[in-house]
Amino acid sequence: MWPRAPRRRSRALASAGSKAPPQAATLDSMLTLGHAFNLSVSAKGVEHPAQARWLRANGCDEVQGWLYGKPIRASELEQLAAVSSVAIRERA
């Protein structure tokens, strides 16, 4: 058994996913290979809904990029986590 560990792919490849067949074939091969080794495959740099749809339809486990949120500073993340934590406790 292989340990389950995340694998990431380059932004350029994720960007190409919705455009050209040669890049789509590369992405599909990477997804297949990652899953063959029982790895969770993550794509970064997803900026357009078409890219996310293609990746989801082809079995990508996780995606990240501007489509879902802009990069933030660590201090902003801490504030967001604190507010979210309070909101969760209030609902419980």
PDB file of N, CA and C in Angstrom:
ATOM      1  N   MET A   1       0.820  -1.193   0.000  1.00  0.00           N
ATOM      2  CA  MET A   1       0.000   0.000   0.000  1.00  0.00           C
ATOM      3  C   MET A   1       0.858   1.248   0.000  1.00  0.00           C
ATOM      4  N   TRP A   2       0.485   2.213  -0.775  1.00  0.00           N
ATOM      5  CA  TRP A   2       1.171   3.498  -0.794  1.00  0.00           C
ATOM      6  C   TRP A   2       0.462   4.444   0.160  1.00  0.00           C
ATOM      7  N   PRO A   3       1.200   5.284   0.865  1.00  0.00           N
ATOM      8  CA  PRO A   3       0.549   6.261   1.740  1.00  0.00           C
ATOM      9  C   PRO A   3      -0.228   7.275   0.914  1.00  0.00           C
ATOM     10  N   ARG A   4      -1.324   7.741   1.462  1.00  0.00           N
ATOM     11  CA  ARG A   4      -2.130   8.742   0.763  1.00  0.00           C
ATOM     12  C   ARG A   4      -1.555  10.121   1.072  1.00  0.00           C
ATOM     13  N   ALA A   5      -1.071  10.775   0.056  1.00  0.00           N
ATOM     14  CA  ALA A   5      -0.483  12.099   0.208  1.00  0.00           C
ATOM     15  C   ALA A   5      -0.945  12.976  -0.943  1.00  0.00           C
ATOM     16  N   PRO A   6      -1.125  14.272  -0.690  1.00  0.00           N
ATOM     17  CA  PRO A   6      -1.590  15.148  -1.773  1.00  0.00           C
ATOM     18  C   PRO A   6      -0.528  15.363  -2.838  1.00  0.00           C
ATOM     19  N   ARG A   7      -0.953  15.504  -4.058  1.00  0.00           N
ATOM     20  CA  ARG A   7      -0.077  15.842  -5.176  1.00  0.00           C
ATOM     21  C   ARG A   7      -0.645  17.094  -5.806  1.00  0.00           C
ATOM     22  N   ARG A   8       0.216  17.982  -6.200  1.00  0.00           N
ATOM     23  CA  ARG A   8      -0.247  19.205  -6.848  1.00  0.00           C
ATOM     24  C   ARG A   8       0.252  19.257  -8.276  1.00  0.00           C
ATOM     25  N   ARG A   9      -0.455  19.973  -9.070  1.00  0.00           N
ATOM     26  CA  ARG A   9      -0.026  20.166 -10.448  1.00  0.00           C
ATOM     27  C   ARG A   9       0.158  21.658 -10.690  1.00  0.00           C
ATOM     28  N   SER A  10       0.887  21.967 -11.719  1.00  0.00           N
ATOM     29  CA  SER A  10       1.238  23.361 -11.958  1.00  0.00           C
ATOM     30  C   SER A  10       0.047  24.183 -12.422  1.00  0.00           C
ATOM     31  N   ARG A  11       0.136  25.469 -12.180  1.00  0.00           N
ATOM     32  CA  ARG A  11      -0.901  26.403 -12.592  1.00  0.00           C
ATOM     33  C   ARG A  11      -1.064  26.372 -14.106  1.00  0.00           C
ATOM     34  N   ALA A  12       0.042  26.275 -14.830  1.00  0.00           N
ATOM     35  CA  ALA A  12      -0.012  26.258 -16.293  1.00  0.00           C
ATOM     36  C   ALA A  12      -0.830  25.079 -16.799  1.00  0.00           C
ATOM     37  N   LEU A  13      -0.667  23.932 -16.183  1.00  0.00           N
ATOM     38  CA  LEU A  13      -1.432  22.761 -16.619  1.00  0.00           C
ATOM     39  C   LEU A  13      -2.896  22.898 -16.272  1.00  0.00           C
ATOM     40  N   ALA A  14      -3.195  23.397 -15.075  1.00  0.00           N
ATOM     41  CA  ALA A  14      -4.598  23.582 -14.700  1.00  0.00           C
ATOM     42  C   ALA A  14      -5.252  24.595 -15.631  1.00  0.00           C
ATOM     43  N   SER A  15      -4.525  25.632 -15.994  1.00  0.00           N
ATOM     44  CA  SER A  15      -5.057  26.647 -16.897  1.00  0.00           C
ATOM     45  C   SER A  15      -5.333  26.076 -18.276  1.00  0.00           C
ATOM     46  N   ALA A  16      -4.536  25.108 -18.665  1.00  0.00           N
ATOM     47  CA  ALA A  16      -4.688  24.525 -19.997  1.00  0.00           C
ATOM     48  C   ALA A  16      -5.846  23.540 -20.058  1.00  0.00           C
ATOM     49  N   GLY A  17      -6.342  23.092 -18.923  1.00  0.00           N
ATOM     50  CA  GLY A  17      -7.338  22.043 -18.883  1.00  0.00           C
ATOM     51  C   GLY A  17      -8.570  22.295 -19.718  1.00  0.00           C
ATOM     52  N   SER A  18      -8.987  23.543 -19.814  1.00  0.00           N
ATOM     53  CA  SER A  18     -10.207  23.818 -20.560  1.00  0.00           C
ATOM     54  C   SER A  18      -9.925  24.246 -21.996  1.00  0.00           C
ATOM     55  N   LYS A  19      -8.657  24.250 -22.405  1.00  0.00           N
ATOM     56  CA  LYS A  19      -8.309  24.823 -23.697  1.00  0.00           C
ATOM     57  C   LYS A  19      -7.967  23.798 -24.771  1.00  0.00           C
ATOM     58  N   ALA A  20      -6.850  23.123 -24.612  1.00  0.00           N
ATOM     59  CA  ALA A  20      -6.323  22.344 -25.729  1.00  0.00           C
ATOM     60  C   ALA A  20      -6.222  20.860 -25.403  1.00  0.00           C
ATOM     61  N   PRO A  21      -6.557  19.998 -26.351  1.00  0.00           N
ATOM     62  CA  PRO A  21      -6.470  18.553 -26.131  1.00  0.00           C
ATOM     63  C   PRO A  21      -5.108  18.055 -25.655  1.00  0.00           C
ATOM     64  N   PRO A  22      -3.961  18.553 -26.156  1.00  0.00           N
ATOM     65  CA  PRO A  22      -2.685  18.023 -25.649  1.00  0.00           C
ATOM     66  C   PRO A  22      -2.512  18.239 -24.136  1.00  0.00           C
ATOM     67  N   GLN A  23      -2.877  19.418 -23.630  1.00  0.00           N
ATOM     68  CA  GLN A  23      -2.774  19.663 -22.200  1.00  0.00           C
ATOM     69  C   GLN A  23      -3.808  18.854 -21.429  1.00  0.00           C
ATOM     70  N   ALA A  24      -4.978  18.690 -21.995  1.00  0.00           N
ATOM     71  CA  ALA A  24      -6.008  17.887 -21.340  1.00  0.00           C
ATOM     72  C   ALA A  24      -5.532  16.449 -21.200  1.00  0.00           C
ATOM     73  N   ALA A  25      -4.847  15.945 -22.208  1.00  0.00           N
ATOM     74  CA  ALA A  25      -4.321  14.581 -22.138  1.00  0.00           C
ATOM     75  C   ALA A  25      -3.263  14.473 -21.049  1.00  0.00           C
ATOM     76  N   THR A  26      -2.430  15.510 -20.901  1.00  0.00           N
ATOM     77  CA  THR A  26      -1.412  15.518 -19.850  1.00  0.00           C
ATOM     78  C   THR A  26      -2.072  15.525 -18.479  1.00  0.00           C
ATOM     79  N   LEU A  27      -3.082  16.365 -18.312  1.00  0.00           N
ATOM     80  CA  LEU A  27      -3.807  16.423 -17.042  1.00  0.00           C
ATOM     81  C   LEU A  27      -4.460  15.084 -16.723  1.00  0.00           C
ATOM     82  N   ASP A  28      -5.107  14.502 -17.711  1.00  0.00           N
ATOM     83  CA  ASP A  28      -5.768  13.215 -17.504  1.00  0.00           C
ATOM     84  C   ASP A  28      -4.759  12.149 -17.095  1.00  0.00           C
ATOM     85  N   SER A  29      -3.596  12.152 -17.733  1.00  0.00           N
ATOM     86  CA  SER A  29      -2.543  11.185 -17.381  1.00  0.00           C
ATOM     87  C   SER A  29      -2.058  11.386 -15.956  1.00  0.00           C
ATOM     88  N   MET A  30      -1.898  12.646 -15.547  1.00  0.00           N
ATOM     89  CA  MET A  30      -1.436  12.930 -14.188  1.00  0.00           C
ATOM     90  C   MET A  30      -2.476  12.499 -13.156  1.00  0.00           C
ATOM     91  N   LEU A  31      -3.740  12.730 -13.455  1.00  0.00           N
ATOM     92  CA  LEU A  31      -4.815  12.298 -12.553  1.00  0.00           C
ATOM     93  C   LEU A  31      -4.823  10.776 -12.429  1.00  0.00           C
ATOM     94  N   THR A  32      -4.720  10.102 -13.548  1.00  0.00           N
ATOM     95  CA  THR A  32      -4.721   8.642 -13.543  1.00  0.00           C
ATOM     96  C   THR A  32      -3.534   8.088 -12.766  1.00  0.00           C
ATOM     97  N   LEU A  33      -2.362   8.638 -13.005  1.00  0.00           N
ATOM     98  CA  LEU A  33      -1.161   8.174 -12.320  1.00  0.00           C
ATOM     99  C   LEU A  33      -1.254   8.425 -10.813  1.00  0.00           C
ATOM    100  N   GLY A  34      -1.682   9.616 -10.426  1.00  0.00           N
ATOM    101  CA  GLY A  34      -1.829   9.924  -9.003  1.00  0.00           C
ATOM    102  C   GLY A  34      -2.778   8.968  -8.320  1.00  0.00           C
ATOM    103  N   HIS A  35      -3.922   8.736  -8.933  1.00  0.00           N
ATOM    104  CA  HIS A  35      -4.909   7.837  -8.340  1.00  0.00           C
ATOM    105  C   HIS A  35      -4.428   6.382  -8.347  1.00  0.00           C
ATOM    106  N   ALA A  36      -3.630   5.996  -9.343  1.00  0.00           N
ATOM    107  CA  ALA A  36      -3.083   4.640  -9.375  1.00  0.00           C
ATOM    108  C   ALA A  36      -2.181   4.382  -8.172  1.00  0.00           C
ATOM    109  N   PHE A  37      -1.538   5.434  -7.668  1.00  0.00           N
ATOM    110  CA  PHE A  37      -0.690   5.325  -6.479  1.00  0.00           C
ATOM    111  C   PHE A  37      -1.443   5.709  -5.211  1.00  0.00           C
ATOM    112  N   ASN A  38      -2.767   5.773  -5.306  1.00  0.00           N
ATOM    113  CA  ASN A  38      -3.630   6.097  -4.173  1.00  0.00           C
ATOM    114  C   ASN A  38      -3.305   7.470  -3.572  1.00  0.00           C
ATOM    115  N   LEU A  39      -2.989   8.418  -4.447  1.00  0.00           N
ATOM    116  CA  LEU A  39      -2.699   9.780  -4.009  1.00  0.00           C
ATOM    117  C   LEU A  39      -3.899  10.672  -4.270  1.00  0.00           C
ATOM    118  N   SER A  40      -4.088  11.650  -3.421  1.00  0.00           N
ATOM    119  CA  SER A  40      -5.093  12.675  -3.633  1.00  0.00           C
ATOM    120  C   SER A  40      -4.477  13.734  -4.540  1.00  0.00           C
ATOM    121  N   VAL A  41      -5.136  14.035  -5.649  1.00  0.00           N
ATOM    122  CA  VAL A  41      -4.575  14.955  -6.635  1.00  0.00           C
ATOM    123  C   VAL A  41      -5.236  16.324  -6.491  1.00  0.00           C
ATOM    124  N   SER A  42      -4.410  17.355  -6.376  1.00  0.00           N
ATOM    125  CA  SER A  42      -4.866  18.720  -6.181  1.00  0.00           C
ATOM    126  C   SER A  42      -4.351  19.613  -7.299  1.00  0.00           C
ATOM    127  N   ALA A  43      -5.233  20.423  -7.877  1.00  0.00           N
ATOM    128  CA  ALA A  43      -4.833  21.371  -8.924  1.00  0.00           C
ATOM    129  C   ALA A  43      -4.867  22.778  -8.344  1.00  0.00           C
ATOM    130  N   LYS A  44      -3.829  23.550  -8.622  1.00  0.00           N
ATOM    131  CA  LYS A  44      -3.843  24.932  -8.162  1.00  0.00           C
ATOM    132  C   LYS A  44      -3.863  25.857  -9.362  1.00  0.00           C
ATOM    133  N   GLY A  45      -4.292  27.076  -9.135  1.00  0.00           N
ATOM    134  CA  GLY A  45      -4.347  28.053 -10.214  1.00  0.00           C
ATOM    135  C   GLY A  45      -5.627  28.005 -11.019  1.00  0.00           C
ATOM    136  N   VAL A  46      -6.685  27.463 -10.438  1.00  0.00           N
ATOM    137  CA  VAL A  46      -7.966  27.386 -11.151  1.00  0.00           C
ATOM    138  C   VAL A  46      -8.617  28.769 -11.104  1.00  0.00           C
ATOM    139  N   GLU A  47      -8.844  29.341 -12.280  1.00  0.00           N
ATOM    140  CA  GLU A  47      -9.357  30.703 -12.368  1.00  0.00           C
ATOM    141  C   GLU A  47     -10.716  30.806 -13.044  1.00  0.00           C
ATOM    142  N   HIS A  48     -11.117  29.770 -13.769  1.00  0.00           N
ATOM    143  CA  HIS A  48     -12.357  29.843 -14.546  1.00  0.00           C
ATOM    144  C   HIS A  48     -13.248  28.645 -14.258  1.00  0.00           C
ATOM    145  N   PRO A  49     -14.568  28.846 -14.270  1.00  0.00           N
ATOM    146  CA  PRO A  49     -15.496  27.738 -14.022  1.00  0.00           C
ATOM    147  C   PRO A  49     -15.287  26.559 -14.971  1.00  0.00           C
ATOM    148  N   ALA A  50     -14.934  26.818 -16.217  1.00  0.00           N
ATOM    149  CA  ALA A  50     -14.719  25.724 -17.173  1.00  0.00           C
ATOM    150  C   ALA A  50     -13.561  24.833 -16.728  1.00  0.00           C
ATOM    151  N   GLN A  51     -12.525  25.430 -16.167  1.00  0.00           N
ATOM    152  CA  GLN A  51     -11.394  24.650 -15.661  1.00  0.00           C
ATOM    153  C   GLN A  51     -11.849  23.765 -14.505  1.00  0.00           C
ATOM    154  N   ALA A  52     -12.600  24.345 -13.571  1.00  0.00           N
ATOM    155  CA  ALA A  52     -13.073  23.589 -12.411  1.00  0.00           C
ATOM    156  C   ALA A  52     -13.980  22.446 -12.854  1.00  0.00           C
ATOM    157  N   ARG A  53     -14.868  22.717 -13.824  1.00  0.00           N
ATOM    158  CA  ARG A  53     -15.764  21.657 -14.329  1.00  0.00           C
ATOM    159  C   ARG A  53     -14.968  20.521 -14.949  1.00  0.00           C
ATOM    160  N   TRP A  54     -13.961  20.871 -15.784  1.00  0.00           N
ATOM    161  CA  TRP A  54     -13.154  19.831 -16.435  1.00  0.00           C
ATOM    162  C   TRP A  54     -12.417  19.001 -15.392  1.00  0.00           C
ATOM    163  N   LEU A  55     -11.797  19.660 -14.436  1.00  0.00           N
ATOM    164  CA  LEU A  55     -11.051  18.950 -13.401  1.00  0.00           C
ATOM    165  C   LEU A  55     -11.968  18.051 -12.581  1.00  0.00           C
ATOM    166  N   ARG A  56     -13.136  18.566 -12.195  1.00  0.00           N
ATOM    167  CA  ARG A  56     -14.092  17.776 -11.416  1.00  0.00           C
ATOM    168  C   ARG A  56     -14.585  16.575 -12.218  1.00  0.00           C
ATOM    169  N   ALA A  57     -14.909  16.808 -13.492  1.00  0.00           N
ATOM    170  CA  ALA A  57     -15.413  15.726 -14.354  1.00  0.00           C
ATOM    171  C   ALA A  57     -14.366  14.646 -14.592  1.00  0.00           C
ATOM    172  N   ASN A  58     -13.102  15.017 -14.468  1.00  0.00           N
ATOM    173  CA  ASN A  58     -12.026  14.067 -14.721  1.00  0.00           C
ATOM    174  C   ASN A  58     -11.385  13.531 -13.455  1.00  0.00           C
ATOM    175  N   GLY A  59     -12.019  13.756 -12.311  1.00  0.00           N
ATOM    176  CA  GLY A  59     -11.601  13.097 -11.083  1.00  0.00           C
ATOM    177  C   GLY A  59     -10.587  13.809 -10.219  1.00  0.00           C
ATOM    178  N   CYS A  60     -10.355  15.097 -10.442  1.00  0.00           N
ATOM    179  CA  CYS A  60      -9.425  15.832  -9.581  1.00  0.00           C
ATOM    180  C   CYS A  60     -10.039  15.933  -8.185  1.00  0.00           C
ATOM    181  N   ASP A  61      -9.251  15.644  -7.155  1.00  0.00           N
ATOM    182  CA  ASP A  61      -9.764  15.588  -5.784  1.00  0.00           C
ATOM    183  C   ASP A  61      -9.941  16.956  -5.146  1.00  0.00           C
ATOM    184  N   GLU A  62      -9.037  17.879  -5.426  1.00  0.00           N
ATOM    185  CA  GLU A  62      -9.077  19.207  -4.815  1.00  0.00           C
ATOM    186  C   GLU A  62      -8.622  20.240  -5.828  1.00  0.00           C
ATOM    187  N   VAL A  63      -9.193  21.438  -5.733  1.00  0.00           N
ATOM    188  CA  VAL A  63      -8.745  22.548  -6.573  1.00  0.00           C
ATOM    189  C   VAL A  63      -8.617  23.792  -5.710  1.00  0.00           C
ATOM    190  N   GLN A  64      -7.754  24.684  -6.131  1.00  0.00           N
ATOM    191  CA  GLN A  64      -7.633  25.973  -5.456  1.00  0.00           C
ATOM    192  C   GLN A  64      -7.276  27.012  -6.501  1.00  0.00           C
ATOM    193  N   GLY A  65      -7.567  28.255  -6.198  1.00  0.00           N
ATOM    194  CA  GLY A  65      -7.236  29.326  -7.125  1.00  0.00           C
ATOM    195  C   GLY A  65      -8.167  30.503  -6.968  1.00  0.00           C
ATOM    196  N   TRP A  66      -7.976  31.488  -7.812  1.00  0.00           N
ATOM    197  CA  TRP A  66      -8.744  32.731  -7.745  1.00  0.00           C
ATOM    198  C   TRP A  66     -10.236  32.499  -7.917  1.00  0.00           C
ATOM    199  N   LEU A  67     -10.637  31.442  -8.567  1.00  0.00           N
ATOM    200  CA  LEU A  67     -12.068  31.161  -8.720  1.00  0.00           C
ATOM    201  C   LEU A  67     -12.740  31.021  -7.361  1.00  0.00           C
ATOM    202  N   TYR A  68     -12.005  30.523  -6.387  1.00  0.00           N
ATOM    203  CA  TYR A  68     -12.563  30.258  -5.056  1.00  0.00           C
ATOM    204  C   TYR A  68     -12.197  31.312  -4.026  1.00  0.00           C
ATOM    205  N   GLY A  69     -11.145  32.055  -4.240  1.00  0.00           N
ATOM    206  CA  GLY A  69     -10.769  33.099  -3.301  1.00  0.00           C
ATOM    207  C   GLY A  69      -9.383  33.635  -3.600  1.00  0.00           C
ATOM    208  N   LYS A  70      -9.198  34.895  -3.268  1.00  0.00           N
ATOM    209  CA  LYS A  70      -7.897  35.513  -3.505  1.00  0.00           C
ATOM    210  C   LYS A  70      -6.942  35.173  -2.370  1.00  0.00           C
ATOM    211  N   PRO A  71      -5.648  35.247  -2.632  1.00  0.00           N
ATOM    212  CA  PRO A  71      -4.677  35.023  -1.557  1.00  0.00           C
ATOM    213  C   PRO A  71      -4.840  36.083  -0.467  1.00  0.00           C
ATOM    214  N   ILE A  72      -4.642  35.678   0.773  1.00  0.00           N
ATOM    215  CA  ILE A  72      -4.726  36.631   1.883  1.00  0.00           C
ATOM    216  C   ILE A  72      -3.508  36.470   2.790  1.00  0.00           C
ATOM    217  N   ARG A  73      -3.236  37.516   3.563  1.00  0.00           N
ATOM    218  CA  ARG A  73      -2.119  37.477   4.518  1.00  0.00           C
ATOM    219  C   ARG A  73      -2.480  36.568   5.687  1.00  0.00           C
ATOM    220  N   ALA A  74      -1.458  36.083   6.364  1.00  0.00           N
ATOM    221  CA  ALA A  74      -1.666  35.207   7.523  1.00  0.00           C
ATOM    222  C   ALA A  74      -2.513  35.897   8.582  1.00  0.00           C
ATOM    223  N   SER A  75      -2.290  37.191   8.802  1.00  0.00           N
ATOM    224  CA  SER A  75      -3.067  37.921   9.817  1.00  0.00           C
ATOM    225  C   SER A  75      -4.554  37.961   9.449  1.00  0.00           C
ATOM    226  N   GLU A  76      -4.862  38.096   8.153  1.00  0.00           N
ATOM    227  CA  GLU A  76      -6.255  38.081   7.707  1.00  0.00           C
ATOM    228  C   GLU A  76      -6.877  36.703   7.917  1.00  0.00           C
ATOM    229  N   LEU A  77      -6.096  35.665   7.670  1.00  0.00           N
ATOM    230  CA  LEU A  77      -6.573  34.302   7.871  1.00  0.00           C
ATOM    231  C   LEU A  77      -6.885  34.055   9.348  1.00  0.00           C
ATOM    232  N   GLU A  78      -6.009  34.541  10.226  1.00  0.00           N
ATOM    233  CA  GLU A  78      -6.244  34.386  11.666  1.00  0.00           C
ATOM    234  C   GLU A  78      -7.534  35.075  12.079  1.00  0.00           C
ATOM    235  N   GLN A  79      -7.778  36.293  11.564  1.00  0.00           N
ATOM    236  CA  GLN A  79      -9.019  37.008  11.885  1.00  0.00           C
ATOM    237  C   GLN A  79     -10.236  36.251  11.362  1.00  0.00           C
ATOM    238  N   LEU A  80     -10.140  35.762  10.148  1.00  0.00           N
ATOM    239  CA  LEU A  80     -11.238  35.002   9.553  1.00  0.00           C
ATOM    240  C   LEU A  80     -11.524  33.742  10.356  1.00  0.00           C
ATOM    241  N   ALA A  81     -10.469  33.045  10.768  1.00  0.00           N
ATOM    242  CA  ALA A  81     -10.639  31.825  11.565  1.00  0.00           C
ATOM    243  C   ALA A  81     -11.272  32.139  12.916  1.00  0.00           C
ATOM    244  N   ALA A  82     -10.873  33.240  13.532  1.00  0.00           N
ATOM    245  CA  ALA A  82     -11.441  33.620  14.830  1.00  0.00           C
ATOM    246  C   ALA A  82     -12.923  33.932  14.702  1.00  0.00           C
ATOM    247  N   VAL A  83     -13.302  34.671  13.675  1.00  0.00           N
ATOM    248  CA  VAL A  83     -14.710  35.017  13.463  1.00  0.00           C
ATOM    249  C   VAL A  83     -15.513  33.758  13.164  1.00  0.00           C
ATOM    250  N   SER A  84     -14.973  32.879  12.320  1.00  0.00           N
ATOM    251  CA  SER A  84     -15.667  31.636  11.975  1.00  0.00           C
ATOM    252  C   SER A  84     -15.830  30.750  13.202  1.00  0.00           C
ATOM    253  N   SER A  85     -14.817  30.693  14.031  1.00  0.00           N
ATOM    254  CA  SER A  85     -14.868  29.881  15.238  1.00  0.00           C
ATOM    255  C   SER A  85     -15.956  30.360  16.176  1.00  0.00           C
ATOM    256  N   VAL A  86     -16.072  31.670  16.340  1.00  0.00           N
ATOM    257  CA  VAL A  86     -17.113  32.245  17.200  1.00  0.00           C
ATOM    258  C   VAL A  86     -18.483  31.927  16.621  1.00  0.00           C
ATOM    259  N   ALA A  87     -18.647  32.077  15.320  1.00  0.00           N
ATOM    260  CA  ALA A  87     -19.938  31.811  14.697  1.00  0.00           C
ATOM    261  C   ALA A  87     -20.334  30.351  14.849  1.00  0.00           C
ATOM    262  N   ILE A  88     -19.397  29.458  14.750  1.00  0.00           N
ATOM    263  CA  ILE A  88     -19.685  28.027  14.907  1.00  0.00           C
ATOM    264  C   ILE A  88     -20.110  27.725  16.337  1.00  0.00           C
ATOM    265  N   ARG A  89     -19.392  28.296  17.299  1.00  0.00           N
ATOM    266  CA  ARG A  89     -19.750  28.075  18.714  1.00  0.00           C
ATOM    267  C   ARG A  89     -21.129  28.626  19.032  1.00  0.00           C
ATOM    268  N   GLU A  90     -21.490  29.763  18.438  1.00  0.00           N
ATOM    269  CA  GLU A  90     -22.792  30.372  18.706  1.00  0.00           C
ATOM    270  C   GLU A  90     -23.933  29.522  18.170  1.00  0.00           C
ATOM    271  N   ARG A  91     -23.680  28.801  17.062  1.00  0.00           N
ATOM    272  CA  ARG A  91     -24.723  27.954  16.480  1.00  0.00           C
ATOM    273  C   ARG A  91     -24.898  26.649  17.248  1.00  0.00           C
ATOM    274  N   ALA A  92     -23.881  26.237  17.970  1.00  0.00           N
ATOM    275  CA  ALA A  92     -23.925  24.937  18.662  1.00  0.00           C
ATOM    276  C   ALA A  92     -24.818  24.944  19.878  1.00  0.00           C
TER     277      ALA A  92
END
